[in-house]
N, C-alpha and C. Protein backbone atom coordinates (compact mmCIF):
# COMPACT_ATOMS: atom_id res chain seq x y z
N MET A 1 83.55 86.85 88.16
CA MET A 1 84.32 86.26 88.98
C MET A 1 85.71 86.84 89.75
N VAL A 2 86.18 86.85 90.80
CA VAL A 2 87.15 87.63 91.47
C VAL A 2 87.98 86.52 91.77
N ILE A 3 89.74 86.94 90.67
CA ILE A 3 90.56 86.29 91.31
C ILE A 3 91.54 86.72 92.46
N THR A 4 91.84 85.90 93.00
CA THR A 4 92.67 86.00 94.11
C THR A 4 93.86 85.06 94.31
N LYS A 5 95.23 85.81 94.74
CA LYS A 5 96.42 84.42 94.83
C LYS A 5 96.27 84.15 96.13
N VAL A 6 96.96 82.99 96.38
CA VAL A 6 97.24 82.36 97.57
C VAL A 6 99.16 82.11 97.66
N VAL A 7 99.11 82.06 98.88
CA VAL A 7 100.81 81.32 98.85
C VAL A 7 101.09 80.06 99.15
N VAL A 8 101.45 79.62 98.39
CA VAL A 8 102.34 78.04 98.65
C VAL A 8 103.79 77.83 98.59
N SER A 9 103.35 76.64 99.57
CA SER A 9 104.80 76.24 99.98
C SER A 9 104.49 74.74 99.06
N HIS A 10 105.49 74.30 98.28
CA HIS A 10 105.37 72.99 97.46
C HIS A 10 106.24 71.91 98.64
N LYS A 11 107.17 72.63 98.82
CA LYS A 11 108.24 71.96 100.04
C LYS A 11 107.70 71.63 100.96
N HIS A 12 107.33 72.48 102.07
CA HIS A 12 106.78 71.94 103.19
C HIS A 12 104.63 71.73 103.40
N LYS A 13 104.71 72.07 101.76
CA LYS A 13 103.07 71.70 101.54
C LYS A 13 102.09 72.18 102.57
N TYR A 14 101.89 73.85 102.19
CA TYR A 14 101.07 74.45 102.99
C TYR A 14 100.50 75.42 101.79
N VAL A 15 99.07 75.90 102.38
CA VAL A 15 98.76 76.90 101.55
C VAL A 15 98.00 77.69 102.24
N TYR A 16 98.56 79.19 102.39
CA TYR A 16 98.10 80.38 102.97
C TYR A 16 96.98 81.73 102.32
N TYR A 17 96.23 81.45 102.64
CA TYR A 17 94.73 82.03 101.94
C TYR A 17 94.52 83.74 102.76
N TYR A 18 95.44 84.16 102.22
CA TYR A 18 95.93 85.70 103.12
C TYR A 18 94.90 86.67 102.62
N VAL A 19 94.34 87.22 103.45
CA VAL A 19 93.10 88.30 103.06
C VAL A 19 93.98 89.58 103.82
N PRO A 20 94.05 90.84 102.62
CA PRO A 20 95.09 92.06 103.22
C PRO A 20 94.08 92.38 104.21
N LYS A 21 94.71 93.55 104.90
CA LYS A 21 94.15 94.19 106.16
C LYS A 21 93.79 93.13 107.45
N VAL A 22 94.22 91.62 106.93
CA VAL A 22 94.34 90.92 108.26
C VAL A 22 95.92 90.46 108.56
N ALA A 23 97.20 91.14 108.94
CA ALA A 23 98.13 90.78 109.48
C ALA A 23 98.81 90.22 108.35
N CYS A 24 98.70 90.01 107.38
CA CYS A 24 99.03 89.25 105.96
C CYS A 24 100.32 89.70 106.11
N THR A 25 100.98 90.93 105.82
CA THR A 25 102.36 90.98 106.29
C THR A 25 103.24 90.56 106.90
N THR A 26 102.83 90.90 108.38
CA THR A 26 103.22 90.15 109.76
C THR A 26 103.11 88.21 109.39
N ILE A 27 102.50 87.61 108.60
CA ILE A 27 102.44 86.13 108.52
C ILE A 27 102.96 85.84 107.22
N ARG A 28 103.12 86.78 106.51
CA ARG A 28 104.08 86.35 104.92
C ARG A 28 105.55 86.54 105.56
N LYS A 29 105.76 87.34 106.46
CA LYS A 29 107.05 87.70 106.46
C LYS A 29 107.56 86.43 107.81
N MET A 30 106.86 85.97 108.13
CA MET A 30 106.92 84.92 109.31
C MET A 30 107.47 83.74 108.27
N LEU A 31 106.61 83.85 107.35
CA LEU A 31 106.78 82.34 106.11
C LEU A 31 107.74 82.41 105.59
N ALA A 32 108.52 83.83 105.21
CA ALA A 32 109.26 83.84 104.32
C ALA A 32 110.66 83.86 105.52
N ASN A 33 110.57 84.24 106.70
CA ASN A 33 111.77 83.46 107.32
C ASN A 33 112.25 82.37 107.56
N PHE A 34 111.08 81.47 106.74
CA PHE A 34 111.19 79.98 107.05
C PHE A 34 110.92 78.79 106.14
N ASP A 35 111.13 79.61 104.94
CA ASP A 35 110.72 78.86 103.67
C ASP A 35 110.56 80.20 102.58
N GLU A 36 110.70 79.23 101.49
CA GLU A 36 110.21 79.91 99.94
C GLU A 36 109.08 79.80 99.40
N PHE A 37 108.61 80.59 99.31
CA PHE A 37 106.97 80.24 98.62
C PHE A 37 106.97 80.55 97.46
N GLU A 38 105.73 80.93 97.01
CA GLU A 38 105.13 81.36 95.64
C GLU A 38 103.95 81.48 95.49
N TYR A 39 103.50 82.13 94.35
CA TYR A 39 102.25 82.64 95.04
C TYR A 39 101.12 82.21 93.30
N ILE A 40 100.07 81.57 93.60
CA ILE A 40 99.34 80.96 92.60
C ILE A 40 98.08 81.44 92.75
N LYS A 41 97.19 81.50 91.48
CA LYS A 41 95.60 81.48 91.85
C LYS A 41 95.04 80.68 92.51
N ARG A 42 94.31 81.08 93.78
CA ARG A 42 93.80 80.26 94.15
C ARG A 42 92.54 79.16 93.87
N GLN A 43 92.26 79.37 92.66
CA GLN A 43 91.47 78.38 91.99
C GLN A 43 92.29 76.77 91.67
N LYS A 44 93.83 76.92 91.65
CA LYS A 44 94.86 75.97 91.73
C LYS A 44 95.07 75.25 92.79
N THR A 45 94.21 75.66 93.53
CA THR A 45 94.90 74.78 95.28
C THR A 45 93.76 73.86 95.56
N HIS A 46 92.76 73.95 94.89
CA HIS A 46 91.24 72.86 95.77
C HIS A 46 91.87 71.43 95.79
N GLU A 47 92.40 70.92 94.81
CA GLU A 47 93.22 69.54 95.10
C GLU A 47 94.64 69.16 95.60
N LEU A 48 95.12 70.45 96.05
CA LEU A 48 96.26 69.97 96.66
C LEU A 48 96.07 69.68 98.01
N PRO A 49 96.82 68.36 98.25
CA PRO A 49 96.60 67.84 99.63
C PRO A 49 97.37 68.41 100.33
N TYR A 50 96.99 69.75 101.07
CA TYR A 50 98.19 70.48 101.67
C TYR A 50 97.38 70.63 103.04
N PHE A 51 98.31 71.41 103.98
CA PHE A 51 97.97 72.15 105.06
C PHE A 51 97.39 73.73 104.49
N LYS A 52 95.84 73.66 104.99
CA LYS A 52 95.32 75.21 104.71
C LYS A 52 95.19 76.02 105.48
N PHE A 53 95.49 77.32 105.68
CA PHE A 53 95.05 77.77 106.67
C PHE A 53 94.99 79.52 105.98
N ALA A 54 94.07 80.11 107.00
CA ALA A 54 93.75 81.70 106.63
C ALA A 54 93.51 82.34 108.15
N PHE A 55 93.60 83.38 108.46
CA PHE A 55 93.01 84.20 109.48
C PHE A 55 91.78 85.64 109.23
N ALA A 56 91.48 85.62 110.06
CA ALA A 56 89.98 86.46 109.96
C ALA A 56 90.32 87.73 110.89
N ARG A 57 89.64 88.69 110.60
CA ARG A 57 89.66 89.96 111.18
C ARG A 57 87.48 90.61 111.53
N ASN A 58 87.78 90.89 112.56
CA ASN A 58 86.62 91.41 112.66
C ASN A 58 86.16 92.56 111.59
N PRO A 59 85.05 92.51 110.96
CA PRO A 59 84.96 93.59 109.74
C PRO A 59 84.69 94.94 110.04
N TRP A 60 84.12 95.55 111.55
CA TRP A 60 84.43 96.45 111.40
C TRP A 60 85.37 97.45 111.66
N ASP A 61 86.73 96.28 112.55
CA ASP A 61 88.01 96.87 112.69
C ASP A 61 88.72 96.84 111.69
N ARG A 62 88.44 95.82 110.52
CA ARG A 62 89.54 95.95 109.36
C ARG A 62 88.66 97.18 108.04
N LEU A 63 87.62 97.68 108.21
CA LEU A 63 87.33 98.56 107.79
C LEU A 63 88.09 99.85 108.04
N VAL A 64 88.25 99.84 109.26
CA VAL A 64 88.65 101.33 109.77
C VAL A 64 90.13 100.88 109.76
N SER A 65 90.78 100.31 109.90
CA SER A 65 92.40 99.82 109.35
C SER A 65 92.60 100.13 107.62
N CYS A 66 91.82 99.99 107.22
CA CYS A 66 91.85 100.26 105.86
C CYS A 66 91.59 101.64 105.38
N TYR A 67 90.99 102.15 106.20
CA TYR A 67 90.62 103.76 105.91
C TYR A 67 92.08 104.32 106.48
N ALA A 68 92.55 104.27 107.56
CA ALA A 68 93.14 104.54 108.59
C ALA A 68 94.70 104.33 107.56
N ASP A 69 94.93 103.49 107.11
CA ASP A 69 96.07 103.19 106.02
C ASP A 69 96.06 103.36 104.70
N LYS A 70 95.06 103.17 104.54
CA LYS A 70 94.78 103.51 102.40
C LYS A 70 93.84 104.88 102.04
N VAL A 71 93.76 105.72 102.87
CA VAL A 71 93.31 106.92 102.78
C VAL A 71 93.96 108.10 103.42
N VAL A 72 93.80 108.08 105.22
CA VAL A 72 94.23 108.94 105.84
C VAL A 72 95.88 108.69 105.42
N GLY A 73 96.55 107.89 106.17
CA GLY A 73 97.91 107.13 105.64
C GLY A 73 98.43 107.35 104.20
N ALA A 74 97.56 107.27 103.21
CA ALA A 74 98.34 107.23 101.67
C ALA A 74 99.23 108.01 101.56
N GLY A 75 99.08 109.33 101.73
CA GLY A 75 100.19 110.45 102.00
C GLY A 75 101.29 110.60 102.47
N LEU A 76 101.44 109.19 103.77
CA LEU A 76 102.99 108.68 104.23
C LEU A 76 103.35 108.39 103.45
N ASP A 77 103.22 107.27 102.17
CA ASP A 77 103.80 106.49 101.73
C ASP A 77 104.06 106.54 100.25
N PRO A 78 104.91 107.15 99.81
CA PRO A 78 105.47 107.65 98.46
C PRO A 78 105.33 106.39 97.73
N VAL A 79 105.60 105.17 98.17
CA VAL A 79 105.74 104.24 97.09
C VAL A 79 104.22 103.55 96.45
N ASN A 80 102.73 104.11 97.56
CA ASN A 80 101.55 103.39 97.20
C ASN A 80 100.72 104.27 97.20
N ASN A 81 101.42 105.58 96.78
CA ASN A 81 100.36 106.51 96.37
C ASN A 81 100.60 107.39 95.32
N GLU A 82 99.43 107.97 94.67
CA GLU A 82 99.43 108.58 93.24
C GLU A 82 99.57 110.05 93.74
N ARG A 83 99.60 110.55 92.76
CA ARG A 83 99.66 112.16 92.69
C ARG A 83 98.65 112.76 94.05
N ASN A 84 98.23 113.40 94.70
CA ASN A 84 97.63 114.34 95.31
C ASN A 84 97.07 113.11 96.90
N GLY A 85 97.87 112.32 97.12
CA GLY A 85 98.11 111.17 98.30
C GLY A 85 96.83 110.79 98.75
N VAL A 86 96.85 109.85 97.03
CA VAL A 86 95.65 109.04 97.03
C VAL A 86 96.11 107.54 96.70
N PHE A 87 95.85 106.43 97.62
CA PHE A 87 96.38 105.22 97.34
C PHE A 87 95.85 104.69 95.55
N LYS A 88 97.02 104.37 95.40
CA LYS A 88 97.03 103.67 93.74
C LYS A 88 95.98 103.43 93.28
N SER A 89 95.68 102.04 93.91
CA SER A 89 94.48 101.38 93.48
C SER A 89 92.99 102.12 93.71
N PHE A 90 92.91 103.11 94.55
CA PHE A 90 92.16 104.04 94.33
C PHE A 90 91.67 104.53 93.39
N THR A 91 92.21 104.87 93.00
CA THR A 91 92.04 106.21 91.61
C THR A 91 90.90 105.77 90.83
N LYS A 92 90.79 104.31 90.51
CA LYS A 92 90.17 103.82 89.52
C LYS A 92 88.48 104.33 89.89
N TYR A 93 88.30 105.11 90.99
CA TYR A 93 86.99 104.78 91.33
C TYR A 93 86.92 106.05 91.42
N LYS A 94 87.39 107.00 90.92
CA LYS A 94 86.92 108.39 90.38
C LYS A 94 86.57 109.10 91.35
N ARG A 95 86.94 108.67 92.47
CA ARG A 95 86.22 109.94 94.12
C ARG A 95 87.56 110.57 94.63
N ASP A 96 87.08 111.54 95.34
CA ASP A 96 88.07 112.29 96.17
C ASP A 96 88.14 111.86 97.17
N PHE A 97 89.35 110.85 97.41
CA PHE A 97 89.56 110.13 98.82
C PHE A 97 90.30 111.31 99.69
N LYS A 98 91.10 111.61 98.86
CA LYS A 98 92.18 113.02 99.96
C LYS A 98 90.83 114.00 100.88
N ASN A 99 91.94 113.63 102.34
CA ASN A 99 90.36 114.14 103.23
C ASN A 99 89.13 113.89 103.63
N MET A 100 88.81 112.79 103.03
CA MET A 100 87.48 111.97 103.30
C MET A 100 87.73 111.29 104.59
N GLU A 101 86.20 111.74 105.06
CA GLU A 101 86.19 111.58 106.48
C GLU A 101 85.43 109.84 106.46
N PHE A 102 85.44 109.29 107.66
CA PHE A 102 85.27 107.73 107.60
C PHE A 102 83.73 107.25 107.17
N ALA A 103 82.84 108.33 107.72
CA ALA A 103 81.33 108.31 107.57
C ALA A 103 81.42 108.02 105.89
N GLU A 104 81.77 108.66 105.00
CA GLU A 104 81.79 108.93 103.88
C GLU A 104 82.71 107.74 102.82
N PHE A 105 83.68 107.20 103.23
CA PHE A 105 84.48 106.52 102.84
C PHE A 105 83.61 104.64 103.08
N ALA A 106 83.19 104.56 104.85
CA ALA A 106 82.14 103.75 104.82
C ALA A 106 80.97 103.56 104.13
N GLU A 107 80.09 104.69 103.75
CA GLU A 107 79.42 104.74 102.61
C GLU A 107 79.75 104.11 101.62
N PHE A 108 80.95 104.74 100.94
CA PHE A 108 81.22 104.48 99.76
C PHE A 108 81.52 103.01 99.47
N VAL A 109 81.94 102.13 100.80
CA VAL A 109 82.61 100.95 100.69
C VAL A 109 81.16 99.95 100.12
N CYS A 110 80.20 100.51 101.37
CA CYS A 110 78.87 99.65 101.58
C CYS A 110 78.13 100.00 99.84
N GLU A 111 78.28 100.58 98.91
CA GLU A 111 77.85 100.84 97.88
C GLU A 111 78.56 100.02 96.94
N THR A 112 79.95 99.89 97.37
CA THR A 112 80.60 99.23 96.16
C THR A 112 80.52 97.54 96.23
N PRO A 113 79.79 96.76 95.31
CA PRO A 113 79.42 95.47 95.21
C PRO A 113 81.09 94.69 95.32
N ASP A 114 81.31 93.64 96.14
CA ASP A 114 82.73 92.44 96.10
C ASP A 114 83.40 92.69 94.69
N ARG A 115 82.54 92.49 93.59
CA ARG A 115 83.24 92.07 92.64
C ARG A 115 83.78 93.73 91.77
N LYS A 116 83.30 94.66 92.28
CA LYS A 116 84.11 95.61 91.91
C LYS A 116 84.81 96.52 92.97
N SER A 117 84.73 95.86 94.16
CA SER A 117 85.90 96.25 95.68
C SER A 117 87.27 96.00 95.14
N ASN A 118 88.24 96.86 96.04
CA ASN A 118 89.58 96.70 95.93
C ASN A 118 89.74 95.58 97.15
N SER A 119 90.88 94.97 97.09
CA SER A 119 91.06 93.72 97.99
C SER A 119 91.19 94.33 99.16
N HIS A 120 91.55 95.58 99.23
CA HIS A 120 91.50 95.69 100.94
C HIS A 120 90.18 95.78 101.59
N PHE A 121 89.45 96.02 100.86
CA PHE A 121 87.91 96.24 101.34
C PHE A 121 86.80 95.13 101.07
N ARG A 122 87.23 94.00 99.98
CA ARG A 122 86.77 92.83 99.81
C ARG A 122 85.89 92.22 100.79
N SER A 123 85.18 91.76 100.62
CA SER A 123 84.49 90.52 101.81
C SER A 123 86.19 89.34 102.09
N GLN A 124 86.06 89.13 103.13
CA GLN A 124 87.06 88.27 103.60
C GLN A 124 86.93 86.77 102.76
N TYR A 125 85.44 86.21 103.24
CA TYR A 125 85.39 85.05 102.55
C TYR A 125 85.30 84.50 101.00
N LYS A 126 85.97 85.93 100.65
CA LYS A 126 86.11 85.76 99.01
C LYS A 126 87.69 85.73 99.26
N PHE A 127 88.33 85.36 99.79
CA PHE A 127 89.80 84.80 99.62
C PHE A 127 90.29 83.67 99.88
N MET A 128 88.99 83.04 100.58
CA MET A 128 89.49 81.66 101.24
C MET A 128 88.46 80.64 100.66
N PRO A 129 88.63 79.14 100.93
CA PRO A 129 87.65 78.17 100.78
C PRO A 129 86.83 78.28 101.63
N PRO A 130 85.49 77.30 101.55
CA PRO A 130 84.56 77.22 103.12
C PRO A 130 85.22 76.48 103.91
N LEU A 131 85.06 77.19 105.12
CA LEU A 131 85.63 76.91 106.61
C LEU A 131 86.62 75.17 106.42
N GLU A 132 85.52 74.03 106.20
CA GLU A 132 85.37 73.02 106.04
C GLU A 132 86.65 72.69 105.49
N CYS A 133 87.25 73.23 104.68
CA CYS A 133 88.53 72.66 103.82
C CYS A 133 89.61 73.42 104.30
N LEU A 134 89.65 74.00 105.85
CA LEU A 134 90.58 74.74 106.19
C LEU A 134 91.22 73.61 107.69
N ASN A 135 92.42 73.70 107.54
CA ASN A 135 92.95 73.14 108.37
C ASN A 135 93.26 73.77 110.08
N PHE A 136 93.70 74.68 109.81
CA PHE A 136 93.49 75.78 110.72
C PHE A 136 92.74 77.32 110.52
N MET A 137 92.14 77.68 111.02
CA MET A 137 91.32 79.05 111.03
C MET A 137 91.55 79.87 112.20
N GLY A 138 92.77 81.16 111.82
CA GLY A 138 93.27 81.76 113.09
C GLY A 138 92.55 83.26 113.39
N ARG A 139 92.58 84.17 114.18
CA ARG A 139 92.07 85.55 113.87
C ARG A 139 93.18 86.93 114.50
N PHE A 140 92.65 87.36 113.28
CA PHE A 140 93.79 88.79 113.96
C PHE A 140 93.40 89.25 115.87
N GLU A 141 92.25 88.74 116.11
CA GLU A 141 92.18 89.68 117.74
C GLU A 141 92.79 88.49 118.22
N ASN A 142 93.55 87.12 117.90
CA ASN A 142 94.20 86.75 118.89
C ASN A 142 95.78 86.15 118.10
N LEU A 143 96.03 87.06 117.49
CA LEU A 143 96.88 87.29 116.64
C LEU A 143 98.56 86.26 117.24
N THR A 144 98.54 86.87 118.39
CA THR A 144 100.29 86.16 118.75
C THR A 144 100.07 84.82 119.21
N ALA A 145 99.00 84.08 119.75
CA ALA A 145 98.71 82.83 120.09
C ALA A 145 98.60 82.19 119.29
N ASP A 146 97.75 82.48 118.09
CA ASP A 146 97.56 81.75 116.59
C ASP A 146 98.50 81.69 115.79
N LEU A 147 99.46 82.69 115.74
CA LEU A 147 100.89 82.38 115.47
C LEU A 147 101.64 81.77 115.80
N GLN A 148 101.36 81.64 117.46
CA GLN A 148 102.36 80.51 117.95
C GLN A 148 101.67 79.21 117.59
N ARG A 149 100.48 78.78 117.55
CA ARG A 149 99.97 77.44 117.23
C ARG A 149 100.24 77.30 115.91
N LEU A 150 100.28 78.44 114.88
CA LEU A 150 100.39 77.70 113.64
C LEU A 150 101.83 77.50 113.24
N ARG A 151 102.85 78.35 113.97
CA ARG A 151 104.24 78.06 113.45
C ARG A 151 104.45 76.41 114.18
N GLU A 152 103.86 75.93 115.00
CA GLU A 152 103.87 74.77 115.91
C GLU A 152 103.35 73.79 115.00
N MET A 153 102.55 74.11 114.08
CA MET A 153 101.57 73.24 113.26
C MET A 153 102.64 73.10 111.99
N LEU A 154 103.14 74.02 111.62
CA LEU A 154 103.75 74.09 110.60
C LEU A 154 105.57 73.63 111.10
N GLY A 155 106.04 73.45 112.19
CA GLY A 155 107.55 72.86 112.01
C GLY A 155 108.29 74.25 112.57
N ILE A 156 107.69 75.35 112.41
CA ILE A 156 108.70 76.77 112.56
C ILE A 156 109.28 76.83 113.65
N THR A 157 110.35 76.75 114.23
CA THR A 157 110.89 77.00 115.63
C THR A 157 111.21 78.39 115.59
N GLY A 158 111.68 78.69 116.93
CA GLY A 158 111.94 80.18 117.34
C GLY A 158 111.00 81.37 117.71
N VAL A 159 111.16 82.53 118.50
CA VAL A 159 109.90 83.21 119.23
C VAL A 159 109.33 83.91 118.18
N VAL A 160 108.15 83.85 118.52
CA VAL A 160 107.22 84.52 117.49
C VAL A 160 107.24 86.03 117.45
N GLU A 161 107.39 86.45 116.36
CA GLU A 161 107.59 87.72 116.50
C GLU A 161 105.97 88.73 116.36
N GLY A 162 106.50 90.01 116.87
CA GLY A 162 104.68 90.81 117.33
C GLY A 162 104.53 90.99 115.55
N HIS A 163 103.16 91.94 115.66
CA HIS A 163 102.54 92.12 114.48
C HIS A 163 103.30 93.44 114.24
N PHE A 164 104.14 92.42 112.57
CA PHE A 164 104.82 93.67 112.39
C PHE A 164 104.51 95.38 111.73
N MET A 165 103.30 95.34 111.38
CA MET A 165 102.42 96.48 111.07
C MET A 165 101.39 97.49 112.10
N ARG A 166 102.07 97.17 113.05
CA ARG A 166 100.31 97.40 114.55
C ARG A 166 100.28 98.65 114.31
N SER A 167 99.08 98.83 114.46
CA SER A 167 98.45 100.36 114.28
C SER A 167 98.43 101.17 115.77
N THR A 168 98.57 102.68 115.73
CA THR A 168 98.44 102.95 117.69
C THR A 168 97.27 103.61 117.59
N ARG A 169 96.08 103.71 116.38
CA ARG A 169 94.94 104.49 116.23
C ARG A 169 94.23 103.72 117.29
N LYS A 170 93.00 104.78 117.63
CA LYS A 170 92.28 104.72 118.69
C LYS A 170 90.87 103.22 117.80
N SER A 171 90.54 102.97 119.50
CA SER A 171 89.56 101.49 118.82
C SER A 171 88.83 101.93 117.81
N TYR A 172 88.30 100.93 117.17
CA TYR A 172 87.72 100.88 115.43
C TYR A 172 85.96 101.45 116.29
N ARG A 173 85.99 101.19 117.34
CA ARG A 173 84.62 101.92 118.14
C ARG A 173 84.31 103.24 118.12
N HIS A 174 85.32 103.84 118.07
CA HIS A 174 85.37 105.00 117.97
C HIS A 174 84.91 106.15 116.83
N TYR A 175 84.96 105.09 115.66
CA TYR A 175 84.54 105.55 114.46
C TYR A 175 82.83 105.39 113.84
N TYR A 176 82.78 104.86 114.72
CA TYR A 176 80.92 104.17 114.30
C TYR A 176 80.13 105.03 114.69
N ASP A 177 78.76 105.45 114.46
CA ASP A 177 77.87 105.65 115.22
C ASP A 177 76.51 104.41 114.90
N ASN A 178 75.66 104.46 115.25
CA ASN A 178 74.62 103.75 115.32
C ASN A 178 74.54 102.80 113.37
N ARG A 179 74.31 103.93 113.00
CA ARG A 179 73.86 104.08 111.39
C ARG A 179 74.50 103.26 110.91
N LEU A 180 76.13 103.96 110.81
CA LEU A 180 77.28 103.65 110.14
C LEU A 180 77.54 102.04 110.67
N MET A 181 77.26 101.12 111.88
CA MET A 181 77.68 100.08 112.34
C MET A 181 76.81 98.99 111.65
N ASP A 182 74.95 99.35 111.71
CA ASP A 182 74.16 98.95 110.83
C ASP A 182 74.56 98.35 109.29
N MET A 183 75.04 99.77 109.03
CA MET A 183 75.37 99.55 107.47
C MET A 183 76.68 99.05 107.11
N VAL A 184 77.60 99.08 107.79
CA VAL A 184 78.89 98.06 107.46
C VAL A 184 78.44 96.26 107.87
N GLY A 185 77.92 96.34 108.82
CA GLY A 185 77.26 94.99 109.14
C GLY A 185 76.46 94.48 108.17
N GLN A 186 75.50 95.44 107.36
CA GLN A 186 75.00 94.55 106.45
C GLN A 186 76.00 94.29 104.99
N ARG A 187 76.81 95.47 105.19
CA ARG A 187 78.29 94.74 104.01
C ARG A 187 78.90 93.84 104.24
N TYR A 188 78.88 93.41 105.62
CA TYR A 188 80.06 92.30 105.47
C TYR A 188 78.89 91.54 106.21
N ARG A 189 77.77 91.13 106.27
CA ARG A 189 77.05 89.92 106.51
C ARG A 189 77.45 88.67 106.63
N ARG A 190 78.16 88.80 105.74
CA ARG A 190 78.41 87.13 105.33
C ARG A 190 79.63 86.69 106.34
N ASP A 191 80.56 87.95 106.13
CA ASP A 191 81.90 87.57 106.93
C ASP A 191 81.42 87.72 108.62
N ILE A 192 80.27 88.24 108.87
CA ILE A 192 80.22 88.19 110.12
C ILE A 192 79.46 87.01 110.75
N THR A 193 78.48 86.43 109.88
CA THR A 193 77.88 85.26 110.11
C THR A 193 78.97 83.97 109.78
N THR A 194 79.93 84.20 108.93
CA THR A 194 80.63 82.84 108.77
C THR A 194 81.70 82.81 109.79
N PHE A 195 82.59 83.98 109.94
CA PHE A 195 83.54 83.89 111.37
C PHE A 195 83.20 84.21 112.85
N GLY A 196 81.76 84.17 112.53
CA GLY A 196 80.99 84.43 113.84
C GLY A 196 81.51 85.92 114.81
N TYR A 197 81.72 86.89 114.06
CA TYR A 197 82.01 88.18 114.86
C TYR A 197 80.63 88.63 114.67
N THR A 198 80.61 89.68 116.13
CA THR A 198 79.70 90.99 116.66
C THR A 198 80.32 92.13 116.60
N TYR A 199 79.75 93.57 116.80
CA TYR A 199 80.12 94.38 116.65
C TYR A 199 81.24 94.40 118.25
């Protein structure tokens, strides 16, 4: 079983089931400006009678974001990379990620089951309870509007800040051919059906 942690505020009574590569830095920064929160194991939140929320992202786009940040961009961040420009958490896979093309990375991800996956490419549904247990389900694709709605629900005043780590790369569609599109679609089929995404 994969153990994940969530953000909890006992003062304002909310639980945020954050998913890596789904604007979680932006959302946690927003919450930190409003409140003091803690991280606890997700399994401990089932009985909490709190406001529960999460955000999801198009799985094809999320995988490209993971590649751009943790493979291509790993060497740009000395805090997060190992020797040789490889993201620290990826070194356990014993693969040569440096200079890896997206197609090879996608194939690697598709061969790696969730129980062995790094959190940045693990299926999103693994980070949250069933949708019927959530009070609010936001979308990365509608981030500004959904953050505004969330702030209103939580009673956070002020102007909504933009996406903290916004990418300037090309559209995710640029990275796929039909074979990769289908392969990644199969890998994340439960996310696609759970959150209602299409390519």
